[in-house]
C-alpha atoms as a PDB file:
ATOM      1  CA  MET A   1       3.523 -13.631  11.439  1.00  0.00           C
ATOM      2  CA  LEU A   2      -0.045 -14.804  11.984  1.00  0.00           C
ATOM      3  CA  ALA A   3       0.868 -18.312  10.849  1.00  0.00           C
ATOM      4  CA  LEU A   4       4.031 -18.339  12.966  1.00  0.00           C
ATOM      5  CA  SER A   5       1.988 -17.362  15.997  1.00  0.00           C
ATOM      6  CA  ALA A   6      -0.797 -19.852  15.259  1.00  0.00           C
ATOM      7  CA  GLU A   7       1.756 -22.674  15.033  1.00  0.00           C
ATOM      8  CA  GLY A   8       3.431 -21.659  18.296  1.00  0.00           C
ATOM      9  CA  ILE A   9       6.724 -20.701  16.680  1.00  0.00           C
ATOM     10  CA  LEU A  10       6.169 -17.139  17.858  1.00  0.00           C
ATOM     11  CA  PRO A  11       4.198 -16.199  21.005  1.00  0.00           C
ATOM     12  CA  ARG A  12       0.410 -16.158  20.752  1.00  0.00           C
ATOM     13  CA  ILE A  13      -0.890 -12.801  19.590  1.00  0.00           C
ATOM     14  CA  ASP A  14      -4.134 -11.304  20.881  1.00  0.00           C
ATOM     15  CA  TYR A  15      -5.361  -9.895  17.578  1.00  0.00           C
ATOM     16  CA  ALA A  16      -4.452  -9.566  13.914  1.00  0.00           C
ATOM     17  CA  ILE A  17      -5.572  -6.331  12.251  1.00  0.00           C
ATOM     18  CA  PHE A  18      -6.242  -5.804   8.554  1.00  0.00           C
ATOM     19  CA  ALA A  19      -6.744  -2.190   7.420  1.00  0.00           C
ATOM     20  CA  ASP A  20      -9.082  -2.278   4.431  1.00  0.00           C
ATOM     21  CA  THR A  21      -9.005   0.596   1.938  1.00  0.00           C
ATOM     22  CA  GLY A  22     -12.136  -0.823   0.335  1.00  0.00           C
ATOM     23  CA  TRP A  23     -10.372  -1.276  -3.007  1.00  0.00           C
ATOM     24  CA  GLU A  24      -8.148  -4.328  -2.677  1.00  0.00           C
ATOM     25  CA  PRO A  25      -7.991  -6.962  -5.430  1.00  0.00           C
ATOM     26  CA  LYS A  26     -10.474  -9.816  -5.071  1.00  0.00           C
ATOM     27  CA  ALA A  27      -7.533 -12.186  -4.568  1.00  0.00           C
ATOM     28  CA  VAL A  28      -6.515 -10.334  -1.401  1.00  0.00           C
ATOM     29  CA  TYR A  29      -9.983 -10.553   0.136  1.00  0.00           C
ATOM     30  CA  SER A  30     -10.216 -14.241  -0.784  1.00  0.00           C
ATOM     31  CA  HIS A  31      -6.818 -14.886   0.794  1.00  0.00           C
ATOM     32  CA  LEU A  32      -7.804 -12.986   3.930  1.00  0.00           C
ATOM     33  CA  ASP A  33     -10.968 -15.087   4.235  1.00  0.00           C
ATOM     34  CA  ARG A  34      -8.896 -18.234   3.850  1.00  0.00           C
ATOM     35  CA  ILE A  35      -6.241 -17.466   6.454  1.00  0.00           C
ATOM     36  CA  GLN A  36      -8.921 -16.311   8.865  1.00  0.00           C
ATOM     37  CA  ARG A  37     -10.835 -19.561   8.380  1.00  0.00           C
ATOM     38  CA  GLU A  38      -7.904 -21.994   8.204  1.00  0.00           C
ATOM     39  CA  ILE A  39      -5.277 -20.392  10.449  1.00  0.00           C
ATOM     40  CA  ALA A  40      -6.615 -17.683  12.734  1.00  0.00           C
ATOM     41  CA  GLU A  41      -9.911 -19.219  13.882  1.00  0.00           C
ATOM     42  CA  PRO A  42      -8.476 -22.686  14.756  1.00  0.00           C
ATOM     43  CA  ALA A  43      -5.805 -20.909  16.818  1.00  0.00           C
ATOM     44  CA  GLY A  44      -8.352 -18.674  18.524  1.00  0.00           C
ATOM     45  CA  ILE A  45      -6.853 -15.470  17.115  1.00  0.00           C
ATOM     46  CA  PRO A  46      -9.430 -12.815  16.147  1.00  0.00           C
ATOM     47  CA  VAL A  47      -8.850 -11.033  12.835  1.00  0.00           C
ATOM     48  CA  LEU A  48     -10.117  -7.462  13.064  1.00  0.00           C
ATOM     49  CA  ARG A  49     -10.946  -5.712   9.811  1.00  0.00           C
ATOM     50  CA  VAL A  50     -10.868  -1.934  10.129  1.00  0.00           C
ATOM     51  CA  SER A  51     -11.656   0.803   7.628  1.00  0.00           C
ATOM     52  CA  THR A  52     -12.291   4.511   7.222  1.00  0.00           C
ATOM     53  CA  GLY A  53     -14.048   4.175   3.893  1.00  0.00           C
ATOM     54  CA  ASN A  54     -13.602   3.200   0.270  1.00  0.00           C
ATOM     55  CA  ILE A  55     -10.681   5.067  -1.270  1.00  0.00           C
ATOM     56  CA  ARG A  56     -12.023   4.709  -4.818  1.00  0.00           C
ATOM     57  CA  ASN A  57     -15.479   6.011  -3.994  1.00  0.00           C
ATOM     58  CA  ASP A  58     -14.114   8.818  -1.841  1.00  0.00           C
ATOM     59  CA  ALA A  59     -11.875  10.082  -4.648  1.00  0.00           C
ATOM     60  CA  LEU A  60     -14.859  10.371  -6.975  1.00  0.00           C
ATOM     61  CA  ASP A  61     -17.274  11.851  -4.425  1.00  0.00           C
ATOM     62  CA  PRO A  62     -17.347  15.687  -4.577  1.00  0.00           C
ATOM     63  CA  ALA A  63     -18.886  15.786  -1.082  1.00  0.00           C
ATOM     64  CA  HIS A  64     -16.139  13.730   0.544  1.00  0.00           C
ATOM     65  CA  ARG A  65     -12.750  14.888   1.808  1.00  0.00           C
ATOM     66  CA  PHE A  66     -10.171  12.839  -0.067  1.00  0.00           C
ATOM     67  CA  ALA A  67      -6.685  11.976   1.212  1.00  0.00           C
ATOM     68  CA  SER A  68      -4.712  12.142  -2.003  1.00  0.00           C
ATOM     69  CA  MET A  69      -3.097   9.176  -3.699  1.00  0.00           C
ATOM     70  CA  PRO A  70       0.444   9.518  -5.163  1.00  0.00           C
ATOM     71  CA  LEU A  71      -0.768  10.228  -8.674  1.00  0.00           C
ATOM     72  CA  TYR A  72       1.579  10.933 -11.557  1.00  0.00           C
ATOM     73  CA  ILE A  73       1.099  14.473 -12.833  1.00  0.00           C
ATOM     74  CA  LEU A  74       1.772  16.064 -16.196  1.00  0.00           C
ATOM     75  CA  ASN A  75       1.833  19.811 -15.634  1.00  0.00           C
ATOM     76  CA  LYS A  76       0.637  22.347 -18.169  1.00  0.00           C
ATOM     77  CA  ASP A  77       4.203  23.137 -19.187  1.00  0.00           C
ATOM     78  CA  GLY A  78       4.911  19.444 -19.764  1.00  0.00           C
ATOM     79  CA  ARG A  79       6.958  18.920 -16.595  1.00  0.00           C
ATOM     80  CA  PRO A  80       6.267  15.724 -14.601  1.00  0.00           C
ATOM     81  CA  GLY A  81       5.288  15.714 -10.946  1.00  0.00           C
ATOM     82  CA  MET A  82       3.469  13.695  -8.300  1.00  0.00           C
ATOM     83  CA  THR A  83       0.799  14.487  -5.780  1.00  0.00           C
ATOM     84  CA  ARG A  84       1.423  13.931  -2.086  1.00  0.00           C
ATOM     85  CA  ARG A  85       0.693  10.493  -0.677  1.00  0.00           C
ATOM     86  CA  GLN A  86      -1.834  10.868   2.142  1.00  0.00           C
ATOM     87  CA  CYS A  87      -3.776   7.664   1.530  1.00  0.00           C
ATOM     88  CA  THR A  88      -1.703   5.366   3.756  1.00  0.00           C
ATOM     89  CA  GLY A  89      -2.148   7.646   6.752  1.00  0.00           C
ATOM     90  CA  GLU A  90      -5.888   8.033   6.211  1.00  0.00           C
ATOM     91  CA  TYR A  91      -6.899   4.546   5.102  1.00  0.00           C
ATOM     92  CA  LYS A  92      -4.328   2.353   6.896  1.00  0.00           C
ATOM     93  CA  ILE A  93      -2.716   4.014   9.923  1.00  0.00           C
ATOM     94  CA  LYS A  94      -5.734   6.003  11.139  1.00  0.00           C
ATOM     95  CA  PRO A  95      -8.147   3.039  11.422  1.00  0.00           C
ATOM     96  CA  ILE A  96      -5.455   0.867  13.029  1.00  0.00           C
ATOM     97  CA  LYS A  97      -4.800   3.488  15.688  1.00  0.00           C
ATOM     98  CA  LYS A  98      -8.530   3.829  16.323  1.00  0.00           C
ATOM     99  CA  GLN A  99      -8.841   0.063  16.780  1.00  0.00           C
ATOM    100  CA  VAL A 100      -5.826  -0.057  19.095  1.00  0.00           C
ATOM    101  CA  ARG A 101      -7.355   2.664  21.278  1.00  0.00           C
ATOM    102  CA  GLU A 102     -10.551   0.652  21.541  1.00  0.00           C
ATOM    103  CA  ILE A 103      -8.609  -2.489  22.460  1.00  0.00           C
ATOM    104  CA  LEU A 104      -6.880  -0.541  25.230  1.00  0.00           C
ATOM    105  CA  GLY A 105     -10.210   0.861  26.405  1.00  0.00           C
ATOM    106  CA  TYR A 106      -9.437   4.500  25.662  1.00  0.00           C
ATOM    107  CA  PRO A 107     -11.278   5.541  22.499  1.00  0.00           C
ATOM    108  CA  TYR A 108     -10.542   8.986  21.099  1.00  0.00           C
ATOM    109  CA  PRO A 109     -10.509  11.643  22.536  1.00  0.00           C
ATOM    110  CA  GLN A 110      -9.753   9.990  25.876  1.00  0.00           C
ATOM    111  CA  ARG A 111      -6.193  10.346  27.072  1.00  0.00           C
ATOM    112  CA  ILE A 112      -4.278   7.082  27.319  1.00  0.00           C
ATOM    113  CA  PRO A 113      -2.387   6.898  30.634  1.00  0.00           C
ATOM    114  CA  LYS A 114       1.392   6.785  30.550  1.00  0.00           C
ATOM    115  CA  GLY A 115       2.666   3.221  30.460  1.00  0.00           C
ATOM    116  CA  VAL A 116      -0.463   1.790  28.787  1.00  0.00           C
ATOM    117  CA  PHE A 117       0.376   0.445  25.355  1.00  0.00           C
ATOM    118  CA  VAL A 118       0.124  -2.448  22.919  1.00  0.00           C
ATOM    119  CA  GLU A 119       3.065  -4.303  21.439  1.00  0.00           C
ATOM    120  CA  GLN A 120       2.493  -4.114  17.719  1.00  0.00           C
ATOM    121  CA  TRP A 121       4.229  -6.583  15.426  1.00  0.00           C
ATOM    122  CA  VAL A 122       5.345  -5.261  12.049  1.00  0.00           C
ATOM    123  CA  GLY A 123       6.269  -7.726   9.304  1.00  0.00           C
ATOM    124  CA  ILE A 124       9.603  -6.367   8.092  1.00  0.00           C
ATOM    125  CA  SER A 125      12.276  -8.931   7.188  1.00  0.00           C
ATOM    126  CA  THR A 126      16.058  -8.651   7.377  1.00  0.00           C
ATOM    127  CA  ASP A 127      16.234  -7.484   3.745  1.00  0.00           C
ATOM    128  CA  GLU A 128      14.692  -4.211   4.833  1.00  0.00           C
ATOM    129  CA  PHE A 129      15.822  -3.826   8.417  1.00  0.00           C
ATOM    130  CA  HIS A 130      16.345  -0.099   7.812  1.00  0.00           C
ATOM    131  CA  ARG A 131      12.565   0.252   7.618  1.00  0.00           C
ATOM    132  CA  ALA A 132      12.105  -1.019  11.159  1.00  0.00           C
ATOM    133  CA  LYS A 133      11.008   2.077  13.040  1.00  0.00           C
ATOM    134  CA  ASP A 134       9.290   2.968  16.273  1.00  0.00           C
ATOM    135  CA  ALA A 135       5.631   3.967  16.294  1.00  0.00           C
ATOM    136  CA  ASP A 136       4.856   7.681  16.421  1.00  0.00           C
ATOM    137  CA  VAL A 137       2.541   7.362  19.451  1.00  0.00           C
ATOM    138  CA  ALA A 138       3.375   6.226  22.989  1.00  0.00           C
ATOM    139  CA  TYR A 139       0.488   3.743  23.181  1.00  0.00           C
ATOM    140  CA  MET A 140       1.929   1.584  20.379  1.00  0.00           C
ATOM    141  CA  HIS A 141       5.341  -0.070  20.698  1.00  0.00           C
ATOM    142  CA  ASN A 142       6.545  -1.535  17.408  1.00  0.00           C
ATOM    143  CA  ARG A 143       8.307  -4.898  17.425  1.00  0.00           C
ATOM    144  CA  HIS A 144       9.766  -6.682  14.401  1.00  0.00           C
ATOM    145  CA  PRO A 145       9.708 -10.456  15.081  1.00  0.00           C
ATOM    146  CA  LEU A 146      10.900 -11.488  11.623  1.00  0.00           C
ATOM    147  CA  ILE A 147      14.144  -9.647  12.364  1.00  0.00           C
ATOM    148  CA  LEU A 148      14.551  -9.973  16.125  1.00  0.00           C
ATOM    149  CA  ASP A 149      13.174 -13.474  16.722  1.00  0.00           C
ATOM    150  CA  MET A 150      13.485 -15.292  13.404  1.00  0.00           C
ATOM    151  CA  ASP A 151      16.342 -13.544  11.579  1.00  0.00           C
ATOM    152  CA  TRP A 152      14.375 -14.210   8.402  1.00  0.00           C
ATOM    153  CA  SER A 153      14.849 -12.726   4.960  1.00  0.00           C
ATOM    154  CA  ARG A 154      12.053 -12.390   2.447  1.00  0.00           C
ATOM    155  CA  ALA A 155      13.155 -15.714   0.939  1.00  0.00           C
ATOM    156  CA  ASP A 156      12.771 -17.389   4.333  1.00  0.00           C
ATOM    157  CA  CYS A 157       9.250 -16.002   4.629  1.00  0.00           C
ATOM    158  CA  ILE A 158       8.329 -17.297   1.184  1.00  0.00           C
ATOM    159  CA  SER A 159       9.702 -20.746   2.002  1.00  0.00           C
ATOM    160  CA  PHE A 160       7.656 -20.862   5.187  1.00  0.00           C
ATOM    161  CA  LEU A 161       4.497 -19.803   3.348  1.00  0.00           C
ATOM    162  CA  GLU A 162       5.104 -22.549   0.800  1.00  0.00           C
ATOM    163  CA  SER A 163       5.421 -25.102   3.598  1.00  0.00           C
ATOM    164  CA  CYS A 164       2.059 -23.932   4.946  1.00  0.00           C
ATOM    165  CA  GLY A 165       0.364 -24.203   1.555  1.00  0.00           C
ATOM    166  CA  LEU A 166       0.247 -20.414   1.239  1.00  0.00           C
ATOM    167  CA  ALA A 167       2.596 -19.975  -1.705  1.00  0.00           C
ATOM    168  CA  ASP A 168      -0.039 -17.973  -3.567  1.00  0.00           C
ATOM    169  CA  THR A 169      -0.166 -15.200  -0.947  1.00  0.00           C
ATOM    170  CA  PRO A 170      -0.938 -12.004  -2.932  1.00  0.00           C
ATOM    171  CA  LYS A 171       0.390  -8.519  -2.305  1.00  0.00           C
ATOM    172  CA  SER A 172      -1.919  -6.232  -0.390  1.00  0.00           C
ATOM    173  CA  SER A 173      -2.389  -2.884  -2.132  1.00  0.00           C
ATOM    174  CA  CYS A 174      -5.155  -0.848  -3.697  1.00  0.00           C
ATOM    175  CA  LEU A 175      -6.307  -2.204  -7.044  1.00  0.00           C
ATOM    176  CA  GLY A 176      -5.375   1.095  -8.663  1.00  0.00           C
ATOM    177  CA  CYS A 177      -2.198   1.889  -6.711  1.00  0.00           C
ATOM    178  CA  PRO A 178       0.136   4.128  -8.748  1.00  0.00           C
ATOM    179  CA  PHE A 179       3.121   2.204  -7.341  1.00  0.00           C
ATOM    180  CA  HIS A 180       2.169  -0.911  -9.329  1.00  0.00           C
ATOM    181  CA  GLY A 181       4.782  -2.149 -11.770  1.00  0.00           C
ATOM    182  CA  ASN A 182       4.018  -3.185 -15.338  1.00  0.00           C
ATOM    183  CA  GLN A 183       3.801  -6.836 -14.315  1.00  0.00           C
ATOM    184  CA  GLN A 184       1.039  -6.030 -11.830  1.00  0.00           C
ATOM    185  CA  TRP A 185      -0.885  -3.999 -14.378  1.00  0.00           C
ATOM    186  CA  ARG A 186      -0.597  -6.831 -16.909  1.00  0.00           C
ATOM    187  CA  ASN A 187      -1.743  -9.359 -14.350  1.00  0.00           C
ATOM    188  CA  ILE A 188      -4.906  -7.367 -13.702  1.00  0.00           C
ATOM    189  CA  ARG A 189      -5.541  -6.842 -17.410  1.00  0.00           C
ATOM    190  CA  ASP A 190      -4.898 -10.450 -18.442  1.00  0.00           C
ATOM    191  CA  HIS A 191      -6.479 -12.305 -15.530  1.00  0.00           C
ATOM    192  CA  SER A 192      -9.219 -10.063 -14.166  1.00  0.00           C
ATOM    193  CA  PRO A 193     -11.035  -8.166 -16.947  1.00  0.00           C
ATOM    194  CA  GLU A 194     -13.634  -6.763 -14.555  1.00  0.00           C
ATOM    195  CA  GLU A 195     -10.985  -5.272 -12.275  1.00  0.00           C
ATOM    196  CA  TRP A 196      -9.044  -3.991 -15.287  1.00  0.00           C
ATOM    197  CA  GLY A 197     -12.142  -2.165 -16.486  1.00  0.00           C
ATOM    198  CA  ASP A 198     -12.509  -0.720 -13.007  1.00  0.00           C
ATOM    199  CA  VAL A 199      -8.981   0.722 -12.833  1.00  0.00           C
ATOM    200  CA  VAL A 200      -9.125   2.023 -16.419  1.00  0.00           C
ATOM    201  CA  ALA A 201     -12.373   3.828 -15.611  1.00  0.00           C
ATOM    202  CA  PHE A 202     -10.900   5.255 -12.407  1.00  0.00           C
ATOM    203  CA  ASP A 203      -7.779   6.408 -14.234  1.00  0.00           C
ATOM    204  CA  ALA A 204      -9.958   8.325 -16.702  1.00  0.00           C
ATOM    205  CA  ALA A 205     -12.118   9.767 -13.918  1.00  0.00           C
ATOM    206  CA  ILE A 206      -9.192  11.316 -12.004  1.00  0.00           C
ATOM    207  CA  ARG A 207      -7.571  12.931 -15.021  1.00  0.00           C
ATOM    208  CA  ALA A 208      -8.531  16.416 -13.781  1.00  0.00           C
ATOM    209  CA  GLY A 209      -7.889  15.653 -10.105  1.00  0.00           C
ATOM    210  CA  ASN A 210     -10.143  14.583  -7.268  1.00  0.00           C
ATOM    211  CA  ALA A 211     -13.834  15.368  -7.358  1.00  0.00           C
ATOM    212  CA  ARG A 212     -13.995  17.555  -4.261  1.00  0.00           C
ATOM    213  CA  ALA A 213     -11.163  19.794  -5.426  1.00  0.00           C
ATOM    214  CA  ASN A 214     -12.862  20.317  -8.768  1.00  0.00           C
ATOM    215  CA  ALA A 215     -16.243  20.978  -7.144  1.00  0.00           C
ATOM    216  CA  SER A 216     -14.705  23.579  -4.792  1.00  0.00           C
ATOM    217  CA  GLY A 217     -13.003  25.467  -7.611  1.00  0.00           C
ATOM    218  CA  ASN A 218      -9.482  24.099  -7.042  1.00  0.00           C
ATOM    219  CA  PRO A 219      -8.907  22.058 -10.176  1.00  0.00           C
ATOM    220  CA  LEU A 220      -5.692  20.264 -10.971  1.00  0.00           C
ATOM    221  CA  LEU A 221      -3.397  22.486 -13.044  1.00  0.00           C
ATOM    222  CA  GLY A 222      -2.410  19.636 -15.306  1.00  0.00           C
ATOM    223  CA  GLN A 223      -3.456  16.019 -15.723  1.00  0.00           C
ATOM    224  CA  ALA A 224      -3.301  13.067 -13.323  1.00  0.00           C
ATOM    225  CA  PHE A 225      -2.540   9.427 -14.209  1.00  0.00           C
ATOM    226  CA  LEU A 226      -2.174   6.064 -12.471  1.00  0.00           C
ATOM    227  CA  HIS A 227       0.707   4.883 -14.651  1.00  0.00           C
ATOM    228  CA  ARG A 228       4.209   6.379 -14.409  1.00  0.00           C
ATOM    229  CA  SER A 229       4.294   6.942 -18.185  1.00  0.00           C
ATOM    230  CA  ARG A 230       1.638   9.640 -17.704  1.00  0.00           C
ATOM    231  CA  VAL A 231      -0.630   8.375 -20.445  1.00  0.00           C
ATOM    232  CA  PRO A 232      -4.094   6.788 -20.031  1.00  0.00           C
ATOM    233  CA  LEU A 233      -3.808   3.380 -18.388  1.00  0.00           C
ATOM    234  CA  ASP A 234      -5.359   1.483 -21.301  1.00  0.00           C
ATOM    235  CA  GLN A 235      -2.722   3.055 -23.579  1.00  0.00           C
ATOM    236  CA  ALA A 236       0.226   2.789 -21.181  1.00  0.00           C
ATOM    237  CA  PRO A 237       3.288   0.765 -22.274  1.00  0.00           C
ATOM    238  CA  ILE A 238       2.784  -2.074 -19.805  1.00  0.00           C
ATOM    239  CA  ASP A 239       3.889  -4.752 -22.274  1.00  0.00           C
ATOM    240  CA  HIS A 240       7.364  -3.420 -22.954  1.00  0.00           C
ATOM    241  CA  VAL A 241      10.085  -1.187 -21.583  1.00  0.00           C
ATOM    242  CA  THR A 242       9.878   2.349 -22.927  1.00  0.00           C
ATOM    243  CA  ALA A 243      12.852   4.198 -24.428  1.00  0.00           C
ATOM    244  CA  ARG A 244      12.893   6.423 -21.364  1.00  0.00           C
ATOM    245  CA  GLU A 245      13.007   3.416 -19.046  1.00  0.00           C
ATOM    246  CA  TRP A 246      15.835   1.858 -21.058  1.00  0.00           C
ATOM    247  CA  ALA A 247      17.745   5.111 -20.696  1.00  0.00           C
ATOM    248  CA  GLN A 248      17.134   5.070 -16.945  1.00  0.00           C
ATOM    249  CA  ARG A 249      18.349   1.483 -16.743  1.00  0.00           C
ATOM    250  CA  GLN A 250      21.509   2.262 -18.704  1.00  0.00           C
ATOM    251  CA  ALA A 251      22.223   5.311 -16.559  1.00  0.00           C
ATOM    252  CA  ALA A 252      21.811   3.222 -13.446  1.00  0.00           C
ATOM    253  CA  LEU A 253      24.094   0.509 -14.812  1.00  0.00           C
ATOM    254  CA  ASP A 254      26.699   3.113 -15.662  1.00  0.00           C
ATOM    255  CA  THR A 255      26.671   4.413 -12.096  1.00  0.00           C
ATOM    256  CA  GLY A 256      26.384   0.984 -10.475  1.00  0.00           C
ATOM    257  CA  ALA A 257      22.964   1.851  -9.083  1.00  0.00           C
ATOM    258  CA  ALA A 258      20.928  -0.784 -10.937  1.00  0.00           C
ATOM    259  CA  GLY A 259      18.888  -3.187  -8.870  1.00  0.00           C
ATOM    260  CA  GLU A 260      15.658  -2.971  -7.011  1.00  0.00           C
ATOM    261  CA  ARG A 261      14.739   0.608  -7.972  1.00  0.00           C
ATOM    262  CA  LEU A 262      14.821  -0.316 -11.658  1.00  0.00           C
ATOM    263  CA  GLN A 263      13.158  -3.633 -10.947  1.00  0.00           C
ATOM    264  CA  GLU A 264      10.188  -1.727  -9.574  1.00  0.00           C
ATOM    265  CA  LEU A 265       9.441  -0.492 -13.105  1.00  0.00           C
ATOM    266  CA  GLU A 266       8.453  -4.062 -13.883  1.00  0.00           C
ATOM    267  CA  ASP A 267       7.589  -5.618 -10.531  1.00  0.00           C
ATOM    268  CA  GLY A 268       6.279  -2.631  -8.622  1.00  0.00           C
ATOM    269  CA  VAL A 269       6.655  -2.043  -4.913  1.00  0.00           C
ATOM    270  CA  THR A 270       8.095  -5.212  -3.377  1.00  0.00           C
ATOM    271  CA  ASP A 271       5.963  -5.501  -0.269  1.00  0.00           C
ATOM    272  CA  GLY A 272       2.723  -3.978  -1.423  1.00  0.00           C
ATOM    273  CA  CYS A 273       1.120  -1.424   0.861  1.00  0.00           C
ATOM    274  CA  SER A 274       2.307  -1.618   4.448  1.00  0.00           C
ATOM    275  CA  PRO A 275       1.040   0.996   6.904  1.00  0.00           C
ATOM    276  CA  TRP A 276       4.415   1.174   8.646  1.00  0.00           C
ATOM    277  CA  ALA A 277       6.875   0.610   5.822  1.00  0.00           C
ATOM    278  CA  CYS A 278       5.427   1.728   2.501  1.00  0.00           C
ATOM    279  CA  ARG A 279       8.242   1.690  -0.048  1.00  0.00           C
ATOM    280  CA  GLY A 280       6.541   4.616  -1.712  1.00  0.00           C
ATOM    281  CA  ASP A 281       7.953   6.775   1.072  1.00  0.00           C
ATOM    282  CA  GLU A 282      11.349   6.527  -0.597  1.00  0.00           C
ATOM    283  CA  GLN A 283      10.093   8.256  -3.714  1.00  0.00           C
ATOM    284  CA  GLN A 284      10.538  12.008  -3.460  1.00  0.00           C
ATOM    285  CA  PRO A 285       7.831  13.565  -5.643  1.00  0.00           C
ATOM    286  CA  GLU A 286       8.705  16.569  -7.734  1.00  0.00           C
ATOM    287  CA  GLN A 287       6.048  19.039  -6.711  1.00  0.00           C
ATOM    288  CA  GLY A 288       4.865  20.838  -9.821  1.00  0.00           C
ATOM    289  CA  ASP A 289       2.424  23.695 -10.249  1.00  0.00           C
ATOM    290  CA  PHE A 290      -0.650  21.608  -9.640  1.00  0.00           C
ATOM    291  CA  GLY A 291      -3.364  22.394  -7.131  1.00  0.00           C
ATOM    292  CA  LEU A 292      -4.782  19.127  -5.877  1.00  0.00           C
ATOM    293  CA  THR A 293      -6.406  19.911  -2.543  1.00  0.00           C
ATOM    294  CA  ALA A 294      -6.540  17.518   0.390  1.00  0.00           C
END
């Protein structure tokens, strides 16, 4: 959408906002620097980078309140579960809303007058039109130009990026996002050893839950993992499909439900981490008897 606006295909936007969790892959930060330098600045469009902290550091800091990631849990009785996903709200939506308030001239806790709002563009394509939703506050009105103005699918977006020399646009998501697919984990392991070491170390560090919960006497009643197999990341079956996954695939084929849900086992969440349309919202965690505090 930034490139479409910069080229005059869509109306000129006032700002582009990037919510930084502090733990994106190096490729994402490099790409952001590039589009800011080559696309946004020549068009006179400011790119605002907003943040509420570093999600990795916060999870390991016993003195810091941590908004939980959707970790895979193995309960004491062997049942699987997942922790609640609070990270998108804390590290993406919250800083964006704060920035929008400042743009409007009404920083929190000032009341924003009725009728004062920003039009916020959300990059959802026609493939996922059902994710196009209104904002949950009156001072932000969501608009979906890729659907309403362009009638573009994801393939159309990719073709446009290729024409702009941006075919290598990476997915934006935390380096250690539990919604990664095996392909994403392999890519980190095979092409970025330093980042692989980082996520393996983090995976080991959160095995007993977040640091603040443990320090306050509310330990995890089970074990937490980054990979859906619920084994340590450096031992996870990221190079092949497990017997359980094959069974899931066959069951889905038998019921006609194969497709993108199964593809996520390999490819992960299609659109990375979007504040307004995280595909992780579709996953309904089985809440087990674990006590990870917020």
